[in-house]
Amino acid sequence: MRREVVYALTIGIGLWVDQNGTDWPVKGEYLVDIACWIIFATIYSRGERVERVEMLTVLAFATPMELFFTEVWHLYEYREGFMPLFVPVGHWFLFDLGRRFSRHLPEKWS
């Protein structure tokens, strides 16, 4: 399956499960955490060195900034109080999805 489809389905279904699974025996957030990290780890293990470095770089920048914006500046807050574990890898999914889509845009848009 194309990675763009995996990202889109993971984000769409994952956000729905997170939102609607608050009363499930296993919270939806935890299911999404596990699924996202499995997908991330699979991509990481199969990726070339350059991509693995990019993945870790996105995590290294996005995670502290996410925590800073929520815990220090209080720009927004999470429903359960603290950042879900799927958020850092979600930043990678969005970054890579945007990069992949940008390859198909007309050059005059760049």
PDB file of N, CA and C in Angstrom:
ATOM      1  N   MET A   1       0.856  -1.184   0.000  1.00  0.00           N
ATOM      2  CA  MET A   1       0.000   0.000   0.000  1.00  0.00           C
ATOM      3  C   MET A   1       0.898   1.242   0.000  1.00  0.00           C
ATOM      4  N   ARG A   2       0.514   2.205  -0.774  1.00  0.00           N
ATOM      5  CA  ARG A   2       1.288   3.445  -0.841  1.00  0.00           C
ATOM      6  C   ARG A   2       1.311   4.127   0.512  1.00  0.00           C
ATOM      7  N   ARG A   3       2.441   4.703   0.817  1.00  0.00           N
ATOM      8  CA  ARG A   3       2.594   5.317   2.132  1.00  0.00           C
ATOM      9  C   ARG A   3       1.635   6.486   2.342  1.00  0.00           C
ATOM     10  N   GLU A   4       1.315   7.214   1.285  1.00  0.00           N
ATOM     11  CA  GLU A   4       0.360   8.315   1.416  1.00  0.00           C
ATOM     12  C   GLU A   4      -0.993   7.809   1.915  1.00  0.00           C
ATOM     13  N   VAL A   5      -1.405   6.658   1.404  1.00  0.00           N
ATOM     14  CA  VAL A   5      -2.681   6.064   1.826  1.00  0.00           C
ATOM     15  C   VAL A   5      -2.592   5.613   3.279  1.00  0.00           C
ATOM     16  N   VAL A   6      -1.474   5.006   3.643  1.00  0.00           N
ATOM     17  CA  VAL A   6      -1.278   4.575   5.034  1.00  0.00           C
ATOM     18  C   VAL A   6      -1.366   5.776   5.967  1.00  0.00           C
ATOM     19  N   TYR A   7      -0.692   6.869   5.613  1.00  0.00           N
ATOM     20  CA  TYR A   7      -0.732   8.073   6.453  1.00  0.00           C
ATOM     21  C   TYR A   7      -2.152   8.617   6.565  1.00  0.00           C
ATOM     22  N   ALA A   8      -2.819   8.753   5.430  1.00  0.00           N
ATOM     23  CA  ALA A   8      -4.167   9.332   5.439  1.00  0.00           C
ATOM     24  C   ALA A   8      -5.132   8.470   6.251  1.00  0.00           C
ATOM     25  N   LEU A   9      -5.074   7.161   6.067  1.00  0.00           N
ATOM     26  CA  LEU A   9      -5.950   6.268   6.832  1.00  0.00           C
ATOM     27  C   LEU A   9      -5.603   6.283   8.316  1.00  0.00           C
ATOM     28  N   THR A  10      -4.321   6.286   8.619  1.00  0.00           N
ATOM     29  CA  THR A  10      -3.898   6.301  10.022  1.00  0.00           C
ATOM     30  C   THR A  10      -4.369   7.569  10.713  1.00  0.00           C
ATOM     31  N   ILE A  11      -4.204   8.700  10.059  1.00  0.00           N
ATOM     32  CA  ILE A  11      -4.627   9.967  10.656  1.00  0.00           C
ATOM     33  C   ILE A  11      -6.146  10.007  10.787  1.00  0.00           C
ATOM     34  N   GLY A  12      -6.850   9.695   9.714  1.00  0.00           N
ATOM     35  CA  GLY A  12      -8.316   9.759   9.744  1.00  0.00           C
ATOM     36  C   GLY A  12      -8.940   8.786  10.728  1.00  0.00           C
ATOM     37  N   ILE A  13      -8.563   7.521  10.621  1.00  0.00           N
ATOM     38  CA  ILE A  13      -9.124   6.512  11.521  1.00  0.00           C
ATOM     39  C   ILE A  13      -8.605   6.717  12.941  1.00  0.00           C
ATOM     40  N   GLY A  14      -7.326   7.047  13.053  1.00  0.00           N
ATOM     41  CA  GLY A  14      -6.738   7.236  14.377  1.00  0.00           C
ATOM     42  C   GLY A  14      -7.392   8.351  15.166  1.00  0.00           C
ATOM     43  N   LEU A  15      -7.662   9.464  14.523  1.00  0.00           N
ATOM     44  CA  LEU A  15      -8.317  10.565  15.233  1.00  0.00           C
ATOM     45  C   LEU A  15      -9.737  10.187  15.640  1.00  0.00           C
ATOM     46  N   TRP A  16     -10.429   9.424  14.776  1.00  0.00           N
ATOM     47  CA  TRP A  16     -11.781   8.984  15.124  1.00  0.00           C
ATOM     48  C   TRP A  16     -11.745   8.037  16.321  1.00  0.00           C
ATOM     49  N   VAL A  17     -10.825   7.077  16.299  1.00  0.00           N
ATOM     50  CA  VAL A  17     -10.709   6.113  17.404  1.00  0.00           C
ATOM     51  C   VAL A  17     -10.334   6.833  18.692  1.00  0.00           C
ATOM     52  N   ASP A  18      -9.402   7.769  18.603  1.00  0.00           N
ATOM     53  CA  ASP A  18      -9.007   8.530  19.794  1.00  0.00           C
ATOM     54  C   ASP A  18     -10.188   9.300  20.369  1.00  0.00           C
ATOM     55  N   GLN A  19     -10.946   9.940  19.516  1.00  0.00           N
ATOM     56  CA  GLN A  19     -12.077  10.766  19.954  1.00  0.00           C
ATOM     57  C   GLN A  19     -13.221   9.928  20.510  1.00  0.00           C
ATOM     58  N   ASN A  20     -13.511   8.806  19.875  1.00  0.00           N
ATOM     59  CA  ASN A  20     -14.686   8.011  20.243  1.00  0.00           C
ATOM     60  C   ASN A  20     -14.388   6.838  21.168  1.00  0.00           C
ATOM     61  N   GLY A  21     -13.131   6.566  21.419  1.00  0.00           N
ATOM     62  CA  GLY A  21     -12.782   5.405  22.227  1.00  0.00           C
ATOM     63  C   GLY A  21     -12.460   5.710  23.668  1.00  0.00           C
ATOM     64  N   THR A  22     -12.991   6.807  24.197  1.00  0.00           N
ATOM     65  CA  THR A  22     -12.652   7.188  25.571  1.00  0.00           C
ATOM     66  C   THR A  22     -13.251   6.252  26.610  1.00  0.00           C
ATOM     67  N   ASP A  23     -14.346   5.570  26.290  1.00  0.00           N
ATOM     68  CA  ASP A  23     -14.996   4.669  27.248  1.00  0.00           C
ATOM     69  C   ASP A  23     -14.795   3.193  26.913  1.00  0.00           C
ATOM     70  N   TRP A  24     -13.957   2.898  25.956  1.00  0.00           N
ATOM     71  CA  TRP A  24     -13.715   1.510  25.588  1.00  0.00           C
ATOM     72  C   TRP A  24     -12.900   0.823  26.687  1.00  0.00           C
ATOM     73  N   PRO A  25     -12.942  -0.506  26.767  1.00  0.00           N
ATOM     74  CA  PRO A  25     -12.133  -1.216  27.772  1.00  0.00           C
ATOM     75  C   PRO A  25     -10.645  -0.868  27.661  1.00  0.00           C
ATOM     76  N   VAL A  26     -10.152  -0.807  26.434  1.00  0.00           N
ATOM     77  CA  VAL A  26      -8.810  -0.276  26.184  1.00  0.00           C
ATOM     78  C   VAL A  26      -9.033   1.049  25.483  1.00  0.00           C
ATOM     79  N   LYS A  27      -8.580   2.134  26.114  1.00  0.00           N
ATOM     80  CA  LYS A  27      -8.852   3.467  25.565  1.00  0.00           C
ATOM     81  C   LYS A  27      -8.379   3.573  24.120  1.00  0.00           C
ATOM     82  N   GLY A  28      -9.190   4.252  23.321  1.00  0.00           N
ATOM     83  CA  GLY A  28      -8.850   4.453  21.924  1.00  0.00           C
ATOM     84  C   GLY A  28      -7.500   5.111  21.747  1.00  0.00           C
ATOM     85  N   GLU A  29      -7.181   6.048  22.637  1.00  0.00           N
ATOM     86  CA  GLU A  29      -5.883   6.727  22.554  1.00  0.00           C
ATOM     87  C   GLU A  29      -4.736   5.726  22.611  1.00  0.00           C
ATOM     88  N   TYR A  30      -4.834   4.738  23.475  1.00  0.00           N
ATOM     89  CA  TYR A  30      -3.764   3.751  23.606  1.00  0.00           C
ATOM     90  C   TYR A  30      -3.648   2.884  22.357  1.00  0.00           C
ATOM     91  N   LEU A  31      -4.785   2.553  21.759  1.00  0.00           N
ATOM     92  CA  LEU A  31      -4.763   1.778  20.518  1.00  0.00           C
ATOM     93  C   LEU A  31      -4.093   2.566  19.399  1.00  0.00           C
ATOM     94  N   VAL A  32      -4.406   3.854  19.336  1.00  0.00           N
ATOM     95  CA  VAL A  32      -3.804   4.713  18.312  1.00  0.00           C
ATOM     96  C   VAL A  32      -2.314   4.880  18.580  1.00  0.00           C
ATOM     97  N   ASP A  33      -1.930   5.049  19.854  1.00  0.00           N
ATOM     98  CA  ASP A  33      -0.506   5.140  20.209  1.00  0.00           C
ATOM     99  C   ASP A  33       0.255   3.936  19.661  1.00  0.00           C
ATOM    100  N   ILE A  34      -0.257   2.757  19.958  1.00  0.00           N
ATOM    101  CA  ILE A  34       0.413   1.518  19.549  1.00  0.00           C
ATOM    102  C   ILE A  34       0.469   1.409  18.029  1.00  0.00           C
ATOM    103  N   ALA A  35      -0.647   1.654  17.362  1.00  0.00           N
ATOM    104  CA  ALA A  35      -0.689   1.544  15.899  1.00  0.00           C
ATOM    105  C   ALA A  35       0.289   2.519  15.242  1.00  0.00           C
ATOM    106  N   CYS A  36       0.298   3.759  15.700  1.00  0.00           N
ATOM    107  CA  CYS A  36       1.171   4.769  15.093  1.00  0.00           C
ATOM    108  C   CYS A  36       2.643   4.431  15.292  1.00  0.00           C
ATOM    109  N   TRP A  37       2.998   3.987  16.485  1.00  0.00           N
ATOM    110  CA  TRP A  37       4.396   3.657  16.737  1.00  0.00           C
ATOM    111  C   TRP A  37       4.826   2.402  15.980  1.00  0.00           C
ATOM    112  N   ILE A  38       3.923   1.453  15.777  1.00  0.00           N
ATOM    113  CA  ILE A  38       4.255   0.277  14.962  1.00  0.00           C
ATOM    114  C   ILE A  38       4.505   0.700  13.516  1.00  0.00           C
ATOM    115  N   ILE A  39       3.654   1.558  12.983  1.00  0.00           N
ATOM    116  CA  ILE A  39       3.837   2.048  11.613  1.00  0.00           C
ATOM    117  C   ILE A  39       5.145   2.821  11.508  1.00  0.00           C
ATOM    118  N   PHE A  40       5.398   3.708  12.463  1.00  0.00           N
ATOM    119  CA  PHE A  40       6.634   4.490  12.462  1.00  0.00           C
ATOM    120  C   PHE A  40       7.854   3.565  12.525  1.00  0.00           C
ATOM    121  N   ALA A  41       7.837   2.588  13.429  1.00  0.00           N
ATOM    122  CA  ALA A  41       8.968   1.670  13.581  1.00  0.00           C
ATOM    123  C   ALA A  41       9.186   0.838  12.322  1.00  0.00           C
ATOM    124  N   THR A  42       8.107   0.447  11.671  1.00  0.00           N
ATOM    125  CA  THR A  42       8.219  -0.325  10.433  1.00  0.00           C
ATOM    126  C   THR A  42       8.866   0.512   9.336  1.00  0.00           C
ATOM    127  N   ILE A  43       8.404   1.748   9.186  1.00  0.00           N
ATOM    128  CA  ILE A  43       8.995   2.639   8.180  1.00  0.00           C
ATOM    129  C   ILE A  43      10.464   2.884   8.506  1.00  0.00           C
ATOM    130  N   TYR A  44      10.754   3.119   9.784  1.00  0.00           N
ATOM    131  CA  TYR A  44      12.128   3.380  10.219  1.00  0.00           C
ATOM    132  C   TYR A  44      13.031   2.181   9.906  1.00  0.00           C
ATOM    133  N   SER A  45      12.573   0.989  10.232  1.00  0.00           N
ATOM    134  CA  SER A  45      13.412  -0.201  10.045  1.00  0.00           C
ATOM    135  C   SER A  45      13.660  -0.509   8.568  1.00  0.00           C
ATOM    136  N   ARG A  46      12.742  -0.108   7.706  1.00  0.00           N
ATOM    137  CA  ARG A  46      12.884  -0.378   6.271  1.00  0.00           C
ATOM    138  C   ARG A  46      13.492   0.794   5.506  1.00  0.00           C
ATOM    139  N   GLY A  47      13.606   1.935   6.158  1.00  0.00           N
ATOM    140  CA  GLY A  47      14.072   3.131   5.476  1.00  0.00           C
ATOM    141  C   GLY A  47      15.572   3.175   5.292  1.00  0.00           C
ATOM    142  N   GLU A  48      15.973   4.009   4.363  1.00  0.00           N
ATOM    143  CA  GLU A  48      17.402   4.238   4.168  1.00  0.00           C
ATOM    144  C   GLU A  48      17.900   5.189   5.246  1.00  0.00           C
ATOM    145  N   ARG A  49      19.206   5.282   5.361  1.00  0.00           N
ATOM    146  CA  ARG A  49      19.805   6.075   6.434  1.00  0.00           C
ATOM    147  C   ARG A  49      19.317   7.523   6.421  1.00  0.00           C
ATOM    148  N   VAL A  50      19.251   8.130   5.264  1.00  0.00           N
ATOM    149  CA  VAL A  50      18.828   9.531   5.164  1.00  0.00           C
ATOM    150  C   VAL A  50      17.414   9.702   5.714  1.00  0.00           C
ATOM    151  N   GLU A  51      16.529   8.806   5.347  1.00  0.00           N
ATOM    152  CA  GLU A  51      15.158   8.909   5.832  1.00  0.00           C
ATOM    153  C   GLU A  51      15.093   8.688   7.343  1.00  0.00           C
ATOM    154  N   ARG A  52      15.872   7.758   7.859  1.00  0.00           N
ATOM    155  CA  ARG A  52      15.868   7.521   9.308  1.00  0.00           C
ATOM    156  C   ARG A  52      16.343   8.751  10.064  1.00  0.00           C
ATOM    157  N   VAL A  53      17.362   9.416   9.534  1.00  0.00           N
ATOM    158  CA  VAL A  53      17.841  10.652  10.167  1.00  0.00           C
ATOM    159  C   VAL A  53      16.756  11.721  10.121  1.00  0.00           C
ATOM    160  N   GLU A  54      16.071  11.841   8.989  1.00  0.00           N
ATOM    161  CA  GLU A  54      14.962  12.800   8.883  1.00  0.00           C
ATOM    162  C   GLU A  54      13.868  12.492   9.900  1.00  0.00           C
ATOM    163  N   MET A  55      13.551  11.225  10.053  1.00  0.00           N
ATOM    164  CA  MET A  55      12.494  10.832  10.989  1.00  0.00           C
ATOM    165  C   MET A  55      12.860  11.226  12.418  1.00  0.00           C
ATOM    166  N   LEU A  56      14.082  10.935  12.809  1.00  0.00           N
ATOM    167  CA  LEU A  56      14.519  11.279  14.164  1.00  0.00           C
ATOM    168  C   LEU A  56      14.629  12.787  14.348  1.00  0.00           C
ATOM    169  N   THR A  57      15.014  13.494  13.288  1.00  0.00           N
ATOM    170  CA  THR A  57      15.104  14.952  13.363  1.00  0.00           C
ATOM    171  C   THR A  57      13.729  15.571  13.571  1.00  0.00           C
ATOM    172  N   VAL A  58      12.733  15.089  12.841  1.00  0.00           N
ATOM    173  CA  VAL A  58      11.370  15.601  13.032  1.00  0.00           C
ATOM    174  C   VAL A  58      10.917  15.351  14.464  1.00  0.00           C
ATOM    175  N   LEU A  59      11.157  14.159  14.983  1.00  0.00           N
ATOM    176  CA  LEU A  59      10.783  13.870  16.372  1.00  0.00           C
ATOM    177  C   LEU A  59      11.536  14.770  17.347  1.00  0.00           C
ATOM    178  N   ALA A  60      12.828  14.979  17.079  1.00  0.00           N
ATOM    179  CA  ALA A  60      13.649  15.779  17.992  1.00  0.00           C
ATOM    180  C   ALA A  60      13.209  17.239  18.042  1.00  0.00           C
ATOM    181  N   PHE A  61      12.696  17.764  16.944  1.00  0.00           N
ATOM    182  CA  PHE A  61      12.225  19.150  16.936  1.00  0.00           C
ATOM    183  C   PHE A  61      10.760  19.267  17.337  1.00  0.00           C
ATOM    184  N   ALA A  62       9.932  18.407  16.790  1.00  0.00           N
ATOM    185  CA  ALA A  62       8.483  18.544  16.990  1.00  0.00           C
ATOM    186  C   ALA A  62       8.048  18.226  18.415  1.00  0.00           C
ATOM    187  N   THR A  63       8.643  17.232  19.035  1.00  0.00           N
ATOM    188  CA  THR A  63       8.198  16.826  20.369  1.00  0.00           C
ATOM    189  C   THR A  63       8.429  17.915  21.411  1.00  0.00           C
ATOM    190  N   PRO A  64       9.645  18.473  21.522  1.00  0.00           N
ATOM    191  CA  PRO A  64       9.823  19.543  22.512  1.00  0.00           C
ATOM    192  C   PRO A  64       8.987  20.785  22.204  1.00  0.00           C
ATOM    193  N   MET A  65       8.818  21.094  20.915  1.00  0.00           N
ATOM    194  CA  MET A  65       8.012  22.265  20.572  1.00  0.00           C
ATOM    195  C   MET A  65       6.550  22.040  20.941  1.00  0.00           C
ATOM    196  N   GLU A  66       6.052  20.842  20.702  1.00  0.00           N
ATOM    197  CA  GLU A  66       4.680  20.500  21.078  1.00  0.00           C
ATOM    198  C   GLU A  66       4.493  20.657  22.587  1.00  0.00           C
ATOM    199  N   LEU A  67       5.438  20.143  23.338  1.00  0.00           N
ATOM    200  CA  LEU A  67       5.363  20.257  24.798  1.00  0.00           C
ATOM    201  C   LEU A  67       5.468  21.716  25.240  1.00  0.00           C
ATOM    202  N   PHE A  68       6.329  22.479  24.591  1.00  0.00           N
ATOM    203  CA  PHE A  68       6.477  23.894  24.935  1.00  0.00           C
ATOM    204  C   PHE A  68       5.181  24.656  24.673  1.00  0.00           C
ATOM    205  N   PHE A  69       4.588  24.439  23.504  1.00  0.00           N
ATOM    206  CA  PHE A  69       3.355  25.162  23.161  1.00  0.00           C
ATOM    207  C   PHE A  69       2.190  24.797  24.069  1.00  0.00           C
ATOM    208  N   THR A  70       2.146  23.540  24.539  1.00  0.00           N
ATOM    209  CA  THR A  70       1.020  23.134  25.387  1.00  0.00           C
ATOM    210  C   THR A  70       1.286  23.355  26.864  1.00  0.00           C
ATOM    211  N   GLU A  71       2.480  23.054  27.328  1.00  0.00           N
ATOM    212  CA  GLU A  71       2.751  23.078  28.768  1.00  0.00           C
ATOM    213  C   GLU A  71       3.311  24.407  29.261  1.00  0.00           C
ATOM    214  N   VAL A  72       3.984  25.154  28.403  1.00  0.00           N
ATOM    215  CA  VAL A  72       4.582  26.429  28.824  1.00  0.00           C
ATOM    216  C   VAL A  72       3.719  27.603  28.370  1.00  0.00           C
ATOM    217  N   TRP A  73       3.451  27.686  27.079  1.00  0.00           N
ATOM    218  CA  TRP A  73       2.661  28.804  26.550  1.00  0.00           C
ATOM    219  C   TRP A  73       1.159  28.591  26.688  1.00  0.00           C
ATOM    220  N   HIS A  74       0.738  27.369  26.900  1.00  0.00           N
ATOM    221  CA  HIS A  74      -0.690  27.040  27.039  1.00  0.00           C
ATOM    222  C   HIS A  74      -1.516  27.525  25.837  1.00  0.00           C
ATOM    223  N   LEU A  75      -0.968  27.355  24.645  1.00  0.00           N
ATOM    224  CA  LEU A  75      -1.691  27.757  23.438  1.00  0.00           C
ATOM    225  C   LEU A  75      -2.914  26.882  23.204  1.00  0.00           C
ATOM    226  N   TYR A  76      -2.844  25.650  23.627  1.00  0.00           N
ATOM    227  CA  TYR A  76      -3.971  24.728  23.532  1.00  0.00           C
ATOM    228  C   TYR A  76      -3.735  23.632  24.554  1.00  0.00           C
ATOM    229  N   GLU A  77      -4.754  22.827  24.782  1.00  0.00           N
ATOM    230  CA  GLU A  77      -4.602  21.728  25.734  1.00  0.00           C
ATOM    231  C   GLU A  77      -5.241  20.464  25.172  1.00  0.00           C
ATOM    232  N   TYR A  78      -4.783  19.362  25.673  1.00  0.00           N
ATOM    233  CA  TYR A  78      -5.305  18.069  25.242  1.00  0.00           C
ATOM    234  C   TYR A  78      -6.444  17.636  26.148  1.00  0.00           C
ATOM    235  N   ARG A  79      -7.354  16.873  25.590  1.00  0.00           N
ATOM    236  CA  ARG A  79      -8.535  16.412  26.308  1.00  0.00           C
ATOM    237  C   ARG A  79      -8.169  15.656  27.582  1.00  0.00           C
ATOM    238  N   GLU A  80      -7.171  14.799  27.523  1.00  0.00           N
ATOM    239  CA  GLU A  80      -6.776  13.984  28.675  1.00  0.00           C
ATOM    240  C   GLU A  80      -5.722  14.673  29.533  1.00  0.00           C
ATOM    241  N   GLY A  81      -5.315  15.875  29.162  1.00  0.00           N
ATOM    242  CA  GLY A  81      -4.384  16.631  29.988  1.00  0.00           C
ATOM    243  C   GLY A  81      -2.956  16.670  29.495  1.00  0.00           C
ATOM    244  N   PHE A  82      -2.465  15.609  28.879  1.00  0.00           N
ATOM    245  CA  PHE A  82      -1.084  15.601  28.422  1.00  0.00           C
ATOM    246  C   PHE A  82      -1.036  15.070  26.993  1.00  0.00           C
ATOM    247  N   MET A  83       0.027  15.396  26.295  1.00  0.00           N
ATOM    248  CA  MET A  83       0.181  15.032  24.894  1.00  0.00           C
ATOM    249  C   MET A  83       0.109  13.508  24.703  1.00  0.00           C
ATOM    250  N   PRO A  84      -0.783  13.039  23.840  1.00  0.00           N
ATOM    251  CA  PRO A  84      -0.818  11.599  23.542  1.00  0.00           C
ATOM    252  C   PRO A  84       0.475  11.162  22.852  1.00  0.00           C
ATOM    253  N   LEU A  85       0.838   9.919  23.031  1.00  0.00           N
ATOM    254  CA  LEU A  85       2.089   9.422  22.471  1.00  0.00           C
ATOM    255  C   LEU A  85       2.081   9.320  20.953  1.00  0.00           C
ATOM    256  N   PHE A  86       0.901   9.387  20.335  1.00  0.00           N
ATOM    257  CA  PHE A  86       0.865   9.324  18.871  1.00  0.00           C
ATOM    258  C   PHE A  86       1.184  10.671  18.222  1.00  0.00           C
ATOM    259  N   VAL A  87       1.204  11.729  18.984  1.00  0.00           N
ATOM    260  CA  VAL A  87       1.412  13.065  18.408  1.00  0.00           C
ATOM    261  C   VAL A  87       2.794  13.227  17.775  1.00  0.00           C
ATOM    262  N   PRO A  88       3.894  12.829  18.438  1.00  0.00           N
ATOM    263  CA  PRO A  88       5.205  13.014  17.788  1.00  0.00           C
ATOM    264  C   PRO A  88       5.327  12.294  16.447  1.00  0.00           C
ATOM    265  N   VAL A  89       4.893  11.033  16.378  1.00  0.00           N
ATOM    266  CA  VAL A  89       4.997  10.330  15.096  1.00  0.00           C
ATOM    267  C   VAL A  89       3.984  10.883  14.100  1.00  0.00           C
ATOM    268  N   GLY A  90       2.884  11.424  14.590  1.00  0.00           N
ATOM    269  CA  GLY A  90       1.921  12.084  13.710  1.00  0.00           C
ATOM    270  C   GLY A  90       2.545  13.268  12.991  1.00  0.00           C
ATOM    271  N   HIS A  91       3.472  13.952  13.654  1.00  0.00           N
ATOM    272  CA  HIS A  91       4.189  15.044  12.991  1.00  0.00           C
ATOM    273  C   HIS A  91       5.008  14.501  11.817  1.00  0.00           C
ATOM    274  N   TRP A  92       5.638  13.346  12.018  1.00  0.00           N
ATOM    275  CA  TRP A  92       6.383  12.753  10.907  1.00  0.00           C
ATOM    276  C   TRP A  92       5.441  12.376   9.773  1.00  0.00           C
ATOM    277  N   PHE A  93       4.302  11.769  10.103  1.00  0.00           N
ATOM    278  CA  PHE A  93       3.352  11.377   9.071  1.00  0.00           C
ATOM    279  C   PHE A  93       2.945  12.593   8.240  1.00  0.00           C
ATOM    280  N   LEU A  94       2.619  13.689   8.899  1.00  0.00           N
ATOM    281  CA  LEU A  94       2.194  14.902   8.185  1.00  0.00           C
ATOM    282  C   LEU A  94       3.334  15.500   7.367  1.00  0.00           C
ATOM    283  N   PHE A  95       4.537  15.539   7.941  1.00  0.00           N
ATOM    284  CA  PHE A  95       5.698  16.067   7.224  1.00  0.00           C
ATOM    285  C   PHE A  95       5.951  15.260   5.951  1.00  0.00           C
ATOM    286  N   ASP A  96       6.010  13.941   6.093  1.00  0.00           N
ATOM    287  CA  ASP A  96       6.309  13.095   4.935  1.00  0.00           C
ATOM    288  C   ASP A  96       5.168  13.112   3.923  1.00  0.00           C
ATOM    289  N   LEU A  97       3.936  13.157   4.407  1.00  0.00           N
ATOM    290  CA  LEU A  97       2.781  13.238   3.508  1.00  0.00           C
ATOM    291  C   LEU A  97       2.837  14.525   2.685  1.00  0.00           C
ATOM    292  N   GLY A  98       3.127  15.640   3.320  1.00  0.00           N
ATOM    293  CA  GLY A  98       3.246  16.910   2.607  1.00  0.00           C
ATOM    294  C   GLY A  98       4.360  16.887   1.580  1.00  0.00           C
ATOM    295  N   ARG A  99       5.478  16.307   1.961  1.00  0.00           N
ATOM    296  CA  ARG A  99       6.606  16.224   1.031  1.00  0.00           C
ATOM    297  C   ARG A  99       6.248  15.354  -0.169  1.00  0.00           C
ATOM    298  N   ARG A 100       5.586  14.251   0.061  1.00  0.00           N
ATOM    299  CA  ARG A 100       5.212  13.362  -1.032  1.00  0.00           C
ATOM    300  C   ARG A 100       4.182  14.017  -1.959  1.00  0.00           C
ATOM    301  N   PHE A 101       3.210  14.716  -1.390  1.00  0.00           N
ATOM    302  CA  PHE A 101       2.223  15.411  -2.219  1.00  0.00           C
ATOM    303  C   PHE A 101       2.863  16.549  -3.004  1.00  0.00           C
ATOM    304  N   SER A 102       3.841  17.215  -2.424  1.00  0.00           N
ATOM    305  CA  SER A 102       4.454  18.361  -3.097  1.00  0.00           C
ATOM    306  C   SER A 102       5.166  17.958  -4.382  1.00  0.00           C
ATOM    307  N   ARG A 103       5.575  16.727  -4.492  1.00  0.00           N
ATOM    308  CA  ARG A 103       6.239  16.253  -5.720  1.00  0.00           C
ATOM    309  C   ARG A 103       5.307  16.257  -6.921  1.00  0.00           C
ATOM    310  N   HIS A 104       4.016  16.261  -6.661  1.00  0.00           N
ATOM    311  CA  HIS A 104       3.027  16.195  -7.738  1.00  0.00           C
ATOM    312  C   HIS A 104       2.420  17.563  -8.067  1.00  0.00           C
ATOM    313  N   LEU A 105       2.872  18.599  -7.390  1.00  0.00           N
ATOM    314  CA  LEU A 105       2.345  19.938  -7.645  1.00  0.00           C
ATOM    315  C   LEU A 105       3.062  20.568  -8.834  1.00  0.00           C
ATOM    316  N   PRO A 106       2.398  21.461  -9.530  1.00  0.00           N
ATOM    317  CA  PRO A 106       3.069  22.159 -10.630  1.00  0.00           C
ATOM    318  C   PRO A 106       4.276  22.945 -10.116  1.00  0.00           C
ATOM    319  N   GLU A 107       5.318  22.992 -10.922  1.00  0.00           N
ATOM    320  CA  GLU A 107       6.543  23.676 -10.510  1.00  0.00           C
ATOM    321  C   GLU A 107       6.300  25.158 -10.241  1.00  0.00           C
ATOM    322  N   LYS A 108       5.360  25.775 -10.946  1.00  0.00           N
ATOM    323  CA  LYS A 108       5.095  27.205 -10.752  1.00  0.00           C
ATOM    324  C   LYS A 108       4.538  27.494  -9.359  1.00  0.00           C
ATOM    325  N   TRP A 109       4.048  26.471  -8.639  1.00  0.00           N
ATOM    326  CA  TRP A 109       3.524  26.667  -7.288  1.00  0.00           C
ATOM    327  C   TRP A 109       4.632  26.676  -6.237  1.00  0.00           C
ATOM    328  N   SER A 110       5.842  26.311  -6.624  1.00  0.00           N
ATOM    329  CA  SER A 110       6.920  26.218  -5.638  1.00  0.00           C
ATOM    330  C   SER A 110       7.546  27.559  -5.337  1.00  0.00           C
TER     331      SER A 110
END
